[in-house]
Structure formats: C-alpha cells, structure tokens
Protein backbone atom coordinates (compact mmCIF):
# COMPACT_ATOMS: atom_id res chain seq x y z
CA UNK A 1 -3.69 6.55 3.59
CA UNK A 2 -2.45 8.93 1.03
CA UNK A 3 -2.33 8.37 -2.70
CA UNK A 4 0.86 6.46 -3.56
CA UNK A 5 1.18 6.20 -7.44
CA UNK A 6 -0.68 7.10 -10.64
CA UNK A 7 -3.32 4.63 -12.00
CA UNK A 8 -4.88 4.07 -8.59
CA UNK A 9 -8.73 4.20 -8.57
CA UNK A 10 -10.75 5.56 -5.69
CA UNK A 11 -14.52 5.48 -5.06
CA UNK A 12 -16.71 7.69 -2.69
CA UNK A 13 -18.90 5.43 -0.63
CA UNK A 14 -21.40 8.15 -0.29
CA UNK A 15 -22.09 9.35 -3.76
CA UNK A 16 -20.55 6.72 -5.89
CA UNK A 17 -18.12 9.02 -7.43
CA UNK A 18 -14.96 7.42 -8.90
CA UNK A 19 -11.40 8.87 -9.75
CA UNK A 20 -8.26 7.60 -11.39
CA UNK A 21 -5.17 9.32 -10.32
CA UNK A 22 -3.01 10.74 -13.06
CA UNK A 23 -0.26 12.41 -10.84
CA UNK A 24 0.39 11.16 -7.37
CA UNK A 25 1.03 13.96 -4.72
CA UNK A 26 0.68 11.90 -1.56
CA UNK A 27 -2.36 13.55 -0.32
CA UNK A 28 -5.68 11.99 0.87
CA UNK A 29 -8.70 12.07 -1.59
CA UNK A 30 -11.81 13.18 0.11
CA UNK A 31 -15.49 13.37 -1.34
CA UNK A 32 -18.70 14.12 0.58
CA UNK A 33 -16.54 15.06 3.51
CA UNK A 34 -15.40 11.34 3.82
CA UNK A 35 -11.99 9.70 2.72
CA UNK A 36 -12.34 7.98 -0.54
CA UNK A 37 -11.81 4.16 -0.67
CA UNK A 38 -9.02 2.78 -2.82
CA UNK A 39 -10.67 0.10 -5.20
CA UNK A 40 -7.90 -1.01 -7.49
CA UNK A 41 -4.67 0.09 -9.26
C-alpha cells in the first residue's frame, strides 16, 4: 500500500521509528527493510 495523502502517520514495527507524511508521492515507506505500518491519518 502506498502513501495516499499528507498527514498520514507510519510506524516501523522493527525499530519503532515513526514518520508523518508532509508530501504524498504514492510510494511505499520502508524502514529496517520492512514496509512501515500506517497508524493513523
């Protein structure tokens, strides 16, 4: 699943890193070689 809009929040289930999207480009967020999980937004 790719990023759809700004304001979405994602978390890495490996290291706990969290990000907030400021500009949606449609790509998939990856951290620690794993897709990040959308948590809200």
